[in-house]
Amino acid sequence: MTANEVLMKSMALLGYSDNDGNLQLTQRIRGRAVPLFNLVYNDLRRVCELPRKPIVSLTDEIELPEEAEDVLACGVASYIALSEGDDTMQYMFSAEYQQRRKGLSKVSEIEDVIPTVD
């Protein structure tokens, strides 16, 4: 999947389209897309224990596990909404991103032990 495909999915999630259903990816949003995308992409790469690797263009292929792709779209949608001043959508997708992101984290097992004095 390319960064542009994720971006288009994020725009569809936000409902940023015209009456015909064609996505309106304005020049303003496209100009901010790569930095916004990298904020989320590198956060998820860290969570998935992958090395940091920012994209340089929207045609770049993303390298994340399949289960992280929807999480990425929610995070990108959150940042797009924030950059557009759309507080309601930003809050909604930010909460969705955080919840889904937690599901990607590897939880280590914690032993229940009673400390002893030697």
PDB file of N, CA and C in Angstrom:
ATOM      1  N   MET A   1       0.852  -1.169   0.000  1.00  0.00           N
ATOM      2  CA  MET A   1       0.000   0.000   0.000  1.00  0.00           C
ATOM      3  C   MET A   1       0.902   1.237   0.000  1.00  0.00           C
ATOM      4  N   THR A   2       0.535   2.225  -0.789  1.00  0.00           N
ATOM      5  CA  THR A   2       1.320   3.457  -0.837  1.00  0.00           C
ATOM      6  C   THR A   2       0.795   4.468   0.175  1.00  0.00           C
ATOM      7  N   ALA A   3       1.620   5.464   0.441  1.00  0.00           N
ATOM      8  CA  ALA A   3       1.211   6.528   1.345  1.00  0.00           C
ATOM      9  C   ALA A   3       0.000   7.269   0.791  1.00  0.00           C
ATOM     10  N   ASN A   4      -0.059   7.427  -0.519  1.00  0.00           N
ATOM     11  CA  ASN A   4      -1.196   8.115  -1.133  1.00  0.00           C
ATOM     12  C   ASN A   4      -2.496   7.336  -0.917  1.00  0.00           C
ATOM     13  N   GLU A   5      -2.449   6.014  -0.992  1.00  0.00           N
ATOM     14  CA  GLU A   5      -3.647   5.195  -0.756  1.00  0.00           C
ATOM     15  C   GLU A   5      -4.135   5.362   0.683  1.00  0.00           C
ATOM     16  N   VAL A   6      -3.202   5.415   1.622  1.00  0.00           N
ATOM     17  CA  VAL A   6      -3.577   5.640   3.022  1.00  0.00           C
ATOM     18  C   VAL A   6      -4.165   7.039   3.181  1.00  0.00           C
ATOM     19  N   LEU A   7      -3.566   8.010   2.528  1.00  0.00           N
ATOM     20  CA  LEU A   7      -4.067   9.381   2.592  1.00  0.00           C
ATOM     21  C   LEU A   7      -5.488   9.470   2.049  1.00  0.00           C
ATOM     22  N   MET A   8      -5.745   8.830   0.935  1.00  0.00           N
ATOM     23  CA  MET A   8      -7.088   8.844   0.353  1.00  0.00           C
ATOM     24  C   MET A   8      -8.092   8.154   1.283  1.00  0.00           C
ATOM     25  N   LYS A   9      -7.656   7.075   1.926  1.00  0.00           N
ATOM     26  CA  LYS A   9      -8.522   6.384   2.886  1.00  0.00           C
ATOM     27  C   LYS A   9      -8.836   7.303   4.073  1.00  0.00           C
ATOM     28  N   SER A  10      -7.835   8.039   4.527  1.00  0.00           N
ATOM     29  CA  SER A  10      -8.031   8.977   5.635  1.00  0.00           C
ATOM     30  C   SER A  10      -9.013  10.076   5.253  1.00  0.00           C
ATOM     31  N   MET A  11      -8.876  10.590   4.026  1.00  0.00           N
ATOM     32  CA  MET A  11      -9.785  11.637   3.559  1.00  0.00           C
ATOM     33  C   MET A  11     -11.219  11.107   3.476  1.00  0.00           C
ATOM     34  N   ALA A  12     -11.367   9.860   3.041  1.00  0.00           N
ATOM     35  CA  ALA A  12     -12.701   9.262   2.975  1.00  0.00           C
ATOM     36  C   ALA A  12     -13.280   9.079   4.377  1.00  0.00           C
ATOM     37  N   LEU A  13     -12.446   8.678   5.336  1.00  0.00           N
ATOM     38  CA  LEU A  13     -12.914   8.535   6.712  1.00  0.00           C
ATOM     39  C   LEU A  13     -13.437   9.866   7.251  1.00  0.00           C
ATOM     40  N   LEU A  14     -12.759  10.945   6.895  1.00  0.00           N
ATOM     41  CA  LEU A  14     -13.157  12.271   7.351  1.00  0.00           C
ATOM     42  C   LEU A  14     -14.398  12.790   6.640  1.00  0.00           C
ATOM     43  N   GLY A  15     -14.711  12.198   5.487  1.00  0.00           N
ATOM     44  CA  GLY A  15     -15.857  12.652   4.712  1.00  0.00           C
ATOM     45  C   GLY A  15     -15.557  13.905   3.921  1.00  0.00           C
ATOM     46  N   TYR A  16     -14.288  14.168   3.652  1.00  0.00           N
ATOM     47  CA  TYR A  16     -13.901  15.342   2.878  1.00  0.00           C
ATOM     48  C   TYR A  16     -14.069  15.018   1.397  1.00  0.00           C
ATOM     49  N   SER A  17     -15.307  15.136   0.900  1.00  0.00           N
ATOM     50  CA  SER A  17     -15.595  14.849  -0.504  1.00  0.00           C
ATOM     51  C   SER A  17     -16.700  15.772  -0.998  1.00  0.00           C
ATOM     52  N   ASP A  18     -16.881  15.796  -2.319  1.00  0.00           N
ATOM     53  CA  ASP A  18     -17.940  16.625  -2.886  1.00  0.00           C
ATOM     54  C   ASP A  18     -19.225  15.803  -3.028  1.00  0.00           C
ATOM     55  N   ASN A  19     -20.241  16.369  -3.603  1.00  0.00           N
ATOM     56  CA  ASN A  19     -21.540  15.696  -3.725  1.00  0.00           C
ATOM     57  C   ASN A  19     -21.496  14.437  -4.569  1.00  0.00           C
ATOM     58  N   ASP A  20     -20.548  14.352  -5.504  1.00  0.00           N
ATOM     59  CA  ASP A  20     -20.426  13.165  -6.351  1.00  0.00           C
ATOM     60  C   ASP A  20     -19.617  12.056  -5.693  1.00  0.00           C
ATOM     61  N   GLY A  21     -19.072  12.305  -4.507  1.00  0.00           N
ATOM     62  CA  GLY A  21     -18.268  11.300  -3.825  1.00  0.00           C
ATOM     63  C   GLY A  21     -16.813  11.324  -4.232  1.00  0.00           C
ATOM     64  N   ASN A  22     -16.416  12.264  -5.069  1.00  0.00           N
ATOM     65  CA  ASN A  22     -15.009  12.384  -5.451  1.00  0.00           C
ATOM     66  C   ASN A  22     -14.261  13.109  -4.348  1.00  0.00           C
ATOM     67  N   LEU A  23     -13.160  12.522  -3.923  1.00  0.00           N
ATOM     68  CA  LEU A  23     -12.399  13.142  -2.845  1.00  0.00           C
ATOM     69  C   LEU A  23     -11.781  14.451  -3.302  1.00  0.00           C
ATOM     70  N   GLN A  24     -11.912  15.455  -2.461  1.00  0.00           N
ATOM     71  CA  GLN A  24     -11.312  16.759  -2.760  1.00  0.00           C
ATOM     72  C   GLN A  24     -10.010  16.884  -1.980  1.00  0.00           C
ATOM     73  N   LEU A  25      -8.947  16.462  -2.580  1.00  0.00           N
ATOM     74  CA  LEU A  25      -7.644  16.560  -1.931  1.00  0.00           C
ATOM     75  C   LEU A  25      -7.045  17.893  -2.346  1.00  0.00           C
ATOM     76  N   THR A  26      -7.295  18.893  -1.534  1.00  0.00           N
ATOM     77  CA  THR A  26      -6.877  20.239  -1.892  1.00  0.00           C
ATOM     78  C   THR A  26      -5.360  20.349  -1.890  1.00  0.00           C
ATOM     79  N   GLN A  27      -4.874  21.350  -2.605  1.00  0.00           N
ATOM     80  CA  GLN A  27      -3.431  21.587  -2.663  1.00  0.00           C
ATOM     81  C   GLN A  27      -2.885  21.878  -1.273  1.00  0.00           C
ATOM     82  N   ARG A  28      -3.667  22.534  -0.452  1.00  0.00           N
ATOM     83  CA  ARG A  28      -3.253  22.862   0.918  1.00  0.00           C
ATOM     84  C   ARG A  28      -3.009  21.594   1.731  1.00  0.00           C
ATOM     85  N   ILE A  29      -3.911  20.633   1.646  1.00  0.00           N
ATOM     86  CA  ILE A  29      -3.749  19.382   2.394  1.00  0.00           C
ATOM     87  C   ILE A  29      -2.616  18.562   1.796  1.00  0.00           C
ATOM     88  N   ARG A  30      -2.535  18.483   0.482  1.00  0.00           N
ATOM     89  CA  ARG A  30      -1.471  17.722  -0.176  1.00  0.00           C
ATOM     90  C   ARG A  30      -0.092  18.267   0.211  1.00  0.00           C
ATOM     91  N   GLY A  31       0.020  19.576   0.352  1.00  0.00           N
ATOM     92  CA  GLY A  31       1.290  20.183   0.735  1.00  0.00           C
ATOM     93  C   GLY A  31       1.733  19.800   2.138  1.00  0.00           C
ATOM     94  N   ARG A  32       0.781  19.529   3.004  1.00  0.00           N
ATOM     95  CA  ARG A  32       1.088  19.132   4.386  1.00  0.00           C
ATOM     96  C   ARG A  32       1.088  17.626   4.576  1.00  0.00           C
ATOM     97  N   ALA A  33       0.718  16.874   3.584  1.00  0.00           N
ATOM     98  CA  ALA A  33       0.474  15.442   3.750  1.00  0.00           C
ATOM     99  C   ALA A  33       1.706  14.654   4.189  1.00  0.00           C
ATOM    100  N   VAL A  34       2.850  14.874   3.575  1.00  0.00           N
ATOM    101  CA  VAL A  34       4.038  14.067   3.895  1.00  0.00           C
ATOM    102  C   VAL A  34       4.476  14.273   5.349  1.00  0.00           C
ATOM    103  N   PRO A  35       4.625  15.515   5.838  1.00  0.00           N
ATOM    104  CA  PRO A  35       5.004  15.661   7.255  1.00  0.00           C
ATOM    105  C   PRO A  35       3.967  15.094   8.222  1.00  0.00           C
ATOM    106  N   LEU A  36       2.676  15.297   7.915  1.00  0.00           N
ATOM    107  CA  LEU A  36       1.622  14.745   8.781  1.00  0.00           C
ATOM    108  C   LEU A  36       1.670  13.225   8.778  1.00  0.00           C
ATOM    109  N   PHE A  37       1.855  12.658   7.607  1.00  0.00           N
ATOM    110  CA  PHE A  37       1.923  11.210   7.464  1.00  0.00           C
ATOM    111  C   PHE A  37       3.097  10.658   8.269  1.00  0.00           C
ATOM    112  N   ASN A  38       4.256  11.309   8.181  1.00  0.00           N
ATOM    113  CA  ASN A  38       5.440  10.824   8.882  1.00  0.00           C
ATOM    114  C   ASN A  38       5.292  10.860  10.397  1.00  0.00           C
ATOM    115  N   LEU A  39       4.516  11.803  10.927  1.00  0.00           N
ATOM    116  CA  LEU A  39       4.275  11.833  12.372  1.00  0.00           C
ATOM    117  C   LEU A  39       3.658  10.523  12.844  1.00  0.00           C
ATOM    118  N   VAL A  40       2.670  10.058  12.126  1.00  0.00           N
ATOM    119  CA  VAL A  40       1.960   8.841  12.514  1.00  0.00           C
ATOM    120  C   VAL A  40       2.757   7.603  12.118  1.00  0.00           C
ATOM    121  N   TYR A  41       3.292   7.614  10.903  1.00  0.00           N
ATOM    122  CA  TYR A  41       4.005   6.457  10.361  1.00  0.00           C
ATOM    123  C   TYR A  41       5.184   6.058  11.255  1.00  0.00           C
ATOM    124  N   ASN A  42       5.983   7.026  11.664  1.00  0.00           N
ATOM    125  CA  ASN A  42       7.142   6.693  12.494  1.00  0.00           C
ATOM    126  C   ASN A  42       6.748   6.318  13.915  1.00  0.00           C
ATOM    127  N   ASP A  43       5.639   6.843  14.405  1.00  0.00           N
ATOM    128  CA  ASP A  43       5.141   6.412  15.709  1.00  0.00           C
ATOM    129  C   ASP A  43       4.746   4.939  15.653  1.00  0.00           C
ATOM    130  N   LEU A  44       4.021   4.555  14.606  1.00  0.00           N
ATOM    131  CA  LEU A  44       3.599   3.157  14.477  1.00  0.00           C
ATOM    132  C   LEU A  44       4.778   2.232  14.206  1.00  0.00           C
ATOM    133  N   ARG A  45       5.769   2.698  13.467  1.00  0.00           N
ATOM    134  CA  ARG A  45       6.963   1.867  13.243  1.00  0.00           C
ATOM    135  C   ARG A  45       7.663   1.592  14.575  1.00  0.00           C
ATOM    136  N   ARG A  46       7.694   2.584  15.462  1.00  0.00           N
ATOM    137  CA  ARG A  46       8.297   2.387  16.779  1.00  0.00           C
ATOM    138  C   ARG A  46       7.489   1.386  17.598  1.00  0.00           C
ATOM    139  N   VAL A  47       6.177   1.533  17.573  1.00  0.00           N
ATOM    140  CA  VAL A  47       5.301   0.622  18.320  1.00  0.00           C
ATOM    141  C   VAL A  47       5.461  -0.817  17.807  1.00  0.00           C
ATOM    142  N   CYS A  48       5.611  -0.968  16.492  1.00  0.00           N
ATOM    143  CA  CYS A  48       5.777  -2.298  15.884  1.00  0.00           C
ATOM    144  C   CYS A  48       7.227  -2.774  15.920  1.00  0.00           C
ATOM    145  N   GLU A  49       8.078  -2.008  16.620  1.00  0.00           N
ATOM    146  CA  GLU A  49       9.494  -2.342  16.780  1.00  0.00           C
ATOM    147  C   GLU A  49      10.229  -2.445  15.451  1.00  0.00           C
ATOM    148  N   LEU A  50       9.953  -1.480  14.572  1.00  0.00           N
ATOM    149  CA  LEU A  50      10.637  -1.359  13.286  1.00  0.00           C
ATOM    150  C   LEU A  50      11.490  -0.100  13.323  1.00  0.00           C
ATOM    151  N   PRO A  51      12.600  -0.071  12.590  1.00  0.00           N
ATOM    152  CA  PRO A  51      13.427   1.142  12.596  1.00  0.00           C
ATOM    153  C   PRO A  51      12.709   2.314  11.944  1.00  0.00           C
ATOM    154  N   ARG A  52      13.065   3.497  12.378  1.00  0.00           N
ATOM    155  CA  ARG A  52      12.475   4.723  11.833  1.00  0.00           C
ATOM    156  C   ARG A  52      12.835   4.827  10.352  1.00  0.00           C
ATOM    157  N   LYS A  53      11.846   5.112   9.532  1.00  0.00           N
ATOM    158  CA  LYS A  53      12.063   5.238   8.089  1.00  0.00           C
ATOM    159  C   LYS A  53      10.983   6.136   7.513  1.00  0.00           C
ATOM    160  N   PRO A  54      11.212   7.458   7.498  1.00  0.00           N
ATOM    161  CA  PRO A  54      10.194   8.371   6.989  1.00  0.00           C
ATOM    162  C   PRO A  54       9.996   8.219   5.486  1.00  0.00           C
ATOM    163  N   ILE A  55       8.810   8.560   5.041  1.00  0.00           N
ATOM    164  CA  ILE A  55       8.545   8.585   3.603  1.00  0.00           C
ATOM    165  C   ILE A  55       8.997   9.947   3.086  1.00  0.00           C
ATOM    166  N   VAL A  56       9.312  10.025   1.805  1.00  0.00           N
ATOM    167  CA  VAL A  56       9.706  11.302   1.205  1.00  0.00           C
ATOM    168  C   VAL A  56       8.679  11.763   0.181  1.00  0.00           C
ATOM    169  N   SER A  57       7.817  10.836  -0.236  1.00  0.00           N
ATOM    170  CA  SER A  57       6.816  11.140  -1.256  1.00  0.00           C
ATOM    171  C   SER A  57       5.578  10.291  -0.998  1.00  0.00           C
ATOM    172  N   LEU A  58       4.439  10.761  -1.475  1.00  0.00           N
ATOM    173  CA  LEU A  58       3.200  10.004  -1.300  1.00  0.00           C
ATOM    174  C   LEU A  58       3.167   8.739  -2.145  1.00  0.00           C
ATOM    175  N   THR A  59       4.092   8.587  -3.062  1.00  0.00           N
ATOM    176  CA  THR A  59       4.149   7.365  -3.874  1.00  0.00           C
ATOM    177  C   THR A  59       4.953   6.273  -3.185  1.00  0.00           C
ATOM    178  N   ASP A  60       5.583   6.578  -2.060  1.00  0.00           N
ATOM    179  CA  ASP A  60       6.371   5.583  -1.321  1.00  0.00           C
ATOM    180  C   ASP A  60       5.477   4.481  -0.774  1.00  0.00           C
ATOM    181  N   GLU A  61       6.002   3.273  -0.788  1.00  0.00           N
ATOM    182  CA  GLU A  61       5.313   2.134  -0.171  1.00  0.00           C
ATOM    183  C   GLU A  61       5.501   2.203   1.337  1.00  0.00           C
ATOM    184  N   ILE A  62       4.439   1.910   2.068  1.00  0.00           N
ATOM    185  CA  ILE A  62       4.565   1.861   3.524  1.00  0.00           C
ATOM    186  C   ILE A  62       4.970   0.452   3.919  1.00  0.00           C
ATOM    187  N   GLU A  63       5.738   0.367   4.966  1.00  0.00           N
ATOM    188  CA  GLU A  63       6.221  -0.918   5.448  1.00  0.00           C
ATOM    189  C   GLU A  63       5.785  -1.096   6.895  1.00  0.00           C
ATOM    190  N   LEU A  64       4.566  -1.572   7.041  1.00  0.00           N
ATOM    191  CA  LEU A  64       3.985  -1.849   8.355  1.00  0.00           C
ATOM    192  C   LEU A  64       3.242  -3.167   8.278  1.00  0.00           C
ATOM    193  N   PRO A  65       3.068  -3.842   9.417  1.00  0.00           N
ATOM    194  CA  PRO A  65       2.221  -5.031   9.404  1.00  0.00           C
ATOM    195  C   PRO A  65       0.813  -4.674   8.944  1.00  0.00           C
ATOM    196  N   GLU A  66       0.128  -5.617   8.331  1.00  0.00           N
ATOM    197  CA  GLU A  66      -1.203  -5.372   7.774  1.00  0.00           C
ATOM    198  C   GLU A  66      -2.179  -4.828   8.810  1.00  0.00           C
ATOM    199  N   GLU A  67      -2.099  -5.320  10.042  1.00  0.00           N
ATOM    200  CA  GLU A  67      -3.042  -4.876  11.075  1.00  0.00           C
ATOM    201  C   GLU A  67      -2.804  -3.414  11.484  1.00  0.00           C
ATOM    202  N   ALA A  68      -1.676  -2.829  11.095  1.00  0.00           N
ATOM    203  CA  ALA A  68      -1.384  -1.444  11.446  1.00  0.00           C
ATOM    204  C   ALA A  68      -1.873  -0.455  10.391  1.00  0.00           C
ATOM    205  N   GLU A  69      -2.300  -0.929   9.227  1.00  0.00           N
ATOM    206  CA  GLU A  69      -2.695  -0.026   8.145  1.00  0.00           C
ATOM    207  C   GLU A  69      -3.930   0.798   8.487  1.00  0.00           C
ATOM    208  N   ASP A  70      -4.938   0.187   9.095  1.00  0.00           N
ATOM    209  CA  ASP A  70      -6.133   0.940   9.492  1.00  0.00           C
ATOM    210  C   ASP A  70      -5.817   1.922  10.615  1.00  0.00           C
ATOM    211  N   VAL A  71      -4.905   1.534  11.500  1.00  0.00           N
ATOM    212  CA  VAL A  71      -4.488   2.416  12.584  1.00  0.00           C
ATOM    213  C   VAL A  71      -3.812   3.647  11.985  1.00  0.00           C
ATOM    214  N   LEU A  72      -2.974   3.419  10.982  1.00  0.00           N
ATOM    215  CA  LEU A  72      -2.289   4.508  10.297  1.00  0.00           C
ATOM    216  C   LEU A  72      -3.291   5.478   9.671  1.00  0.00           C
ATOM    217  N   ALA A  73      -4.305   4.949   9.012  1.00  0.00           N
ATOM    218  CA  ALA A  73      -5.323   5.800   8.377  1.00  0.00           C
ATOM    219  C   ALA A  73      -6.049   6.655   9.414  1.00  0.00           C
ATOM    220  N   CYS A  74      -6.352   6.104  10.575  1.00  0.00           N
ATOM    221  CA  CYS A  74      -7.018   6.876  11.638  1.00  0.00           C
ATOM    222  C   CYS A  74      -6.112   7.993  12.155  1.00  0.00           C
ATOM    223  N   GLY A  75      -4.841   7.675  12.345  1.00  0.00           N
ATOM    224  CA  GLY A  75      -3.898   8.685  12.824  1.00  0.00           C
ATOM    225  C   GLY A  75      -3.708   9.810  11.829  1.00  0.00           C
ATOM    226  N   VAL A  76      -3.578   9.463  10.552  1.00  0.00           N
ATOM    227  CA  VAL A  76      -3.426  10.487   9.514  1.00  0.00           C
ATOM    228  C   VAL A  76      -4.687  11.340   9.441  1.00  0.00           C
ATOM    229  N   ALA A  77      -5.853  10.707   9.546  1.00  0.00           N
ATOM    230  CA  ALA A  77      -7.118  11.456   9.540  1.00  0.00           C
ATOM    231  C   ALA A  77      -7.160  12.447  10.696  1.00  0.00           C
ATOM    232  N   SER A  78      -6.674  12.037  11.854  1.00  0.00           N
ATOM    233  CA  SER A  78      -6.658  12.913  13.018  1.00  0.00           C
ATOM    234  C   SER A  78      -5.818  14.158  12.762  1.00  0.00           C
ATOM    235  N   TYR A  79      -4.628  13.977  12.201  1.00  0.00           N
ATOM    236  CA  TYR A  79      -3.749  15.115  11.937  1.00  0.00           C
ATOM    237  C   TYR A  79      -4.280  16.009  10.816  1.00  0.00           C
ATOM    238  N   ILE A  80      -4.914  15.417   9.814  1.00  0.00           N
ATOM    239  CA  ILE A  80      -5.506  16.239   8.747  1.00  0.00           C
ATOM    240  C   ILE A  80      -6.616  17.105   9.339  1.00  0.00           C
ATOM    241  N   ALA A  81      -7.473  16.489  10.148  1.00  0.00           N
ATOM    242  CA  ALA A  81      -8.559  17.250  10.772  1.00  0.00           C
ATOM    243  C   ALA A  81      -8.008  18.368  11.660  1.00  0.00           C
ATOM    244  N   LEU A  82      -6.941  18.074  12.390  1.00  0.00           N
ATOM    245  CA  LEU A  82      -6.315  19.090  13.231  1.00  0.00           C
ATOM    246  C   LEU A  82      -5.801  20.249  12.376  1.00  0.00           C
ATOM    247  N   SER A  83      -5.153  19.929  11.264  1.00  0.00           N
ATOM    248  CA  SER A  83      -4.605  20.977  10.403  1.00  0.00           C
ATOM    249  C   SER A  83      -5.695  21.794   9.714  1.00  0.00           C
ATOM    250  N   GLU A  84      -6.890  21.209   9.577  1.00  0.00           N
ATOM    251  CA  GLU A  84      -8.013  21.911   8.966  1.00  0.00           C
ATOM    252  C   GLU A  84      -8.895  22.621   9.993  1.00  0.00           C
ATOM    253  N   GLY A  85      -8.562  22.504  11.272  1.00  0.00           N
ATOM    254  CA  GLY A  85      -9.357  23.148  12.314  1.00  0.00           C
ATOM    255  C   GLY A  85     -10.685  22.457  12.572  1.00  0.00           C
ATOM    256  N   ASP A  86     -10.777  21.195  12.209  1.00  0.00           N
ATOM    257  CA  ASP A  86     -12.003  20.411  12.379  1.00  0.00           C
ATOM    258  C   ASP A  86     -11.917  19.669  13.719  1.00  0.00           C
ATOM    259  N   ASP A  87     -12.240  20.374  14.796  1.00  0.00           N
ATOM    260  CA  ASP A  87     -12.048  19.850  16.150  1.00  0.00           C
ATOM    261  C   ASP A  87     -12.812  18.565  16.433  1.00  0.00           C
ATOM    262  N   THR A  88     -14.034  18.469  15.965  1.00  0.00           N
ATOM    263  CA  THR A  88     -14.859  17.289  16.229  1.00  0.00           C
ATOM    264  C   THR A  88     -14.243  16.046  15.623  1.00  0.00           C
ATOM    265  N   MET A  89     -13.878  16.131  14.349  1.00  0.00           N
ATOM    266  CA  MET A  89     -13.276  14.965  13.683  1.00  0.00           C
ATOM    267  C   MET A  89     -11.893  14.665  14.243  1.00  0.00           C
ATOM    268  N   GLN A  90     -11.148  15.699  14.613  1.00  0.00           N
ATOM    269  CA  GLN A  90      -9.815  15.483  15.176  1.00  0.00           C
ATOM    270  C   GLN A  90      -9.923  14.719  16.484  1.00  0.00           C
ATOM    271  N   TYR A  91     -10.856  15.117  17.334  1.00  0.00           N
ATOM    272  CA  TYR A  91     -11.043  14.442  18.620  1.00  0.00           C
ATOM    273  C   TYR A  91     -11.459  12.984  18.405  1.00  0.00           C
ATOM    274  N   MET A  92     -12.390  12.776  17.503  1.00  0.00           N
ATOM    275  CA  MET A  92     -12.901  11.429  17.262  1.00  0.00           C
ATOM    276  C   MET A  92     -11.796  10.503  16.729  1.00  0.00           C
ATOM    277  N   PHE A  93     -11.044  10.955  15.726  1.00  0.00           N
ATOM    278  CA  PHE A  93     -10.022  10.092  15.146  1.00  0.00           C
ATOM    279  C   PHE A  93      -8.776   9.984  16.017  1.00  0.00           C
ATOM    280  N   SER A  94      -8.525  10.981  16.827  1.00  0.00           N
ATOM    281  CA  SER A  94      -7.423  10.885  17.775  1.00  0.00           C
ATOM    282  C   SER A  94      -7.713   9.794  18.806  1.00  0.00           C
ATOM    283  N   ALA A  95      -8.932   9.781  19.318  1.00  0.00           N
ATOM    284  CA  ALA A  95      -9.331   8.748  20.280  1.00  0.00           C
ATOM    285  C   ALA A  95      -9.295   7.362  19.638  1.00  0.00           C
ATOM    286  N   GLU A  96      -9.778   7.261  18.404  1.00  0.00           N
ATOM    287  CA  GLU A  96      -9.773   5.982  17.686  1.00  0.00           C
ATOM    288  C   GLU A  96      -8.338   5.505  17.444  1.00  0.00           C
ATOM    289  N   TYR A  97      -7.470   6.428  17.068  1.00  0.00           N
ATOM    290  CA  TYR A  97      -6.065   6.088  16.824  1.00  0.00           C
ATOM    291  C   TYR A  97      -5.412   5.563  18.100  1.00  0.00           C
ATOM    292  N   GLN A  98      -5.603   6.270  19.207  1.00  0.00           N
ATOM    293  CA  GLN A  98      -4.988   5.849  20.466  1.00  0.00           C
ATOM    294  C   GLN A  98      -5.480   4.471  20.902  1.00  0.00           C
ATOM    295  N   GLN A  99      -6.758   4.229  20.739  1.00  0.00           N
ATOM    296  CA  GLN A  99      -7.317   2.939  21.136  1.00  0.00           C
ATOM    297  C   GLN A  99      -6.752   1.813  20.263  1.00  0.00           C
ATOM    298  N   ARG A 100      -6.730   2.022  18.963  1.00  0.00           N
ATOM    299  CA  ARG A 100      -6.208   0.990  18.056  1.00  0.00           C
ATOM    300  C   ARG A 100      -4.704   0.815  18.204  1.00  0.00           C
ATOM    301  N   ARG A 101      -3.999   1.898  18.469  1.00  0.00           N
ATOM    302  CA  ARG A 101      -2.546   1.847  18.647  1.00  0.00           C
ATOM    303  C   ARG A 101      -2.176   0.966  19.833  1.00  0.00           C
ATOM    304  N   LYS A 102      -2.946   1.061  20.896  1.00  0.00           N
ATOM    305  CA  LYS A 102      -2.690   0.227  22.076  1.00  0.00           C
ATOM    306  C   LYS A 102      -2.773  -1.253  21.735  1.00  0.00           C
ATOM    307  N   GLY A 103      -3.652  -1.599  20.801  1.00  0.00           N
ATOM    308  CA  GLY A 103      -3.798  -2.994  20.386  1.00  0.00           C
ATOM    309  C   GLY A 103      -2.592  -3.530  19.642  1.00  0.00           C
ATOM    310  N   LEU A 104      -1.751  -2.644  19.120  1.00  0.00           N
ATOM    311  CA  LEU A 104      -0.550  -3.071  18.407  1.00  0.00           C
ATOM    312  C   LEU A 104       0.632  -3.310  19.333  1.00  0.00           C
ATOM    313  N   SER A 105       0.583  -2.705  20.528  1.00  0.00           N
ATOM    314  CA  SER A 105       1.704  -2.806  21.459  1.00  0.00           C
ATOM    315  C   SER A 105       1.882  -4.230  21.936  1.00  0.00           C
ATOM    316  N   LYS A 106       3.132  -4.574  22.103  1.00  0.00           N
ATOM    317  CA  LYS A 106       3.438  -5.892  22.645  1.00  0.00           C
ATOM    318  C   LYS A 106       3.457  -5.759  24.167  1.00  0.00           C
ATOM    319  N   VAL A 107       2.566  -6.476  24.807  1.00  0.00           N
ATOM    320  CA  VAL A 107       2.473  -6.422  26.261  1.00  0.00           C
ATOM    321  C   VAL A 107       3.334  -7.532  26.840  1.00  0.00           C
ATOM    322  N   SER A 108       4.237  -7.156  27.693  1.00  0.00           N
ATOM    323  CA  SER A 108       5.079  -8.173  28.319  1.00  0.00           C
ATOM    324  C   SER A 108       4.364  -8.730  29.545  1.00  0.00           C
ATOM    325  N   GLU A 109       4.724  -9.939  29.903  1.00  0.00           N
ATOM    326  CA  GLU A 109       4.119 -10.580  31.061  1.00  0.00           C
ATOM    327  C   GLU A 109       4.769 -10.061  32.325  1.00  0.00           C
ATOM    328  N   ILE A 110       3.962  -9.749  33.302  1.00  0.00           N
ATOM    329  CA  ILE A 110       4.476  -9.270  34.580  1.00  0.00           C
ATOM    330  C   ILE A 110       4.237 -10.350  35.611  1.00  0.00           C
ATOM    331  N   GLU A 111       5.323 -10.738  36.266  1.00  0.00           N
ATOM    332  CA  GLU A 111       5.201 -11.770  37.310  1.00  0.00           C
ATOM    333  C   GLU A 111       4.700 -11.141  38.600  1.00  0.00           C
ATOM    334  N   ASP A 112       3.839 -11.865  39.275  1.00  0.00           N
ATOM    335  CA  ASP A 112       3.329 -11.418  40.548  1.00  0.00           C
ATOM    336  C   ASP A 112       4.188 -12.089  41.620  1.00  0.00           C
ATOM    337  N   VAL A 113       5.097 -11.329  42.204  1.00  0.00           N
ATOM    338  CA  VAL A 113       5.985 -11.894  43.209  1.00  0.00           C
ATOM    339  C   VAL A 113       5.974 -11.049  44.472  1.00  0.00           C
ATOM    340  N   ILE A 114       6.235 -11.698  45.570  1.00  0.00           N
ATOM    341  CA  ILE A 114       6.343 -11.000  46.842  1.00  0.00           C
ATOM    342  C   ILE A 114       7.830 -10.826  47.125  1.00  0.00           C
ATOM    343  N   PRO A 115       8.252  -9.602  47.373  1.00  0.00           N
ATOM    344  CA  PRO A 115       9.678  -9.387  47.642  1.00  0.00           C
ATOM    345  C   PRO A 115      10.108 -10.106  48.932  1.00  0.00           C
ATOM    346  N   THR A 116      11.312 -10.591  48.918  1.00  0.00           N
ATOM    347  CA  THR A 116      11.841 -11.269  50.104  1.00  0.00           C
ATOM    348  C   THR A 116      13.089 -10.547  50.582  1.00  0.00           C
ATOM    349  N   VAL A 117      13.354 -10.662  51.878  1.00  0.00           N
ATOM    350  CA  VAL A 117      14.553 -10.064  52.457  1.00  0.00           C
ATOM    351  C   VAL A 117      15.585 -11.166  52.559  1.00  0.00           C
ATOM    352  N   ASP A 118      16.768 -10.910  52.032  1.00  0.00           N
ATOM    353  CA  ASP A 118      17.833 -11.931  52.102  1.00  0.00           C
ATOM    354  C   ASP A 118      18.647 -11.804  53.341  1.00  0.00           C
TER     355      ASP A 118
END
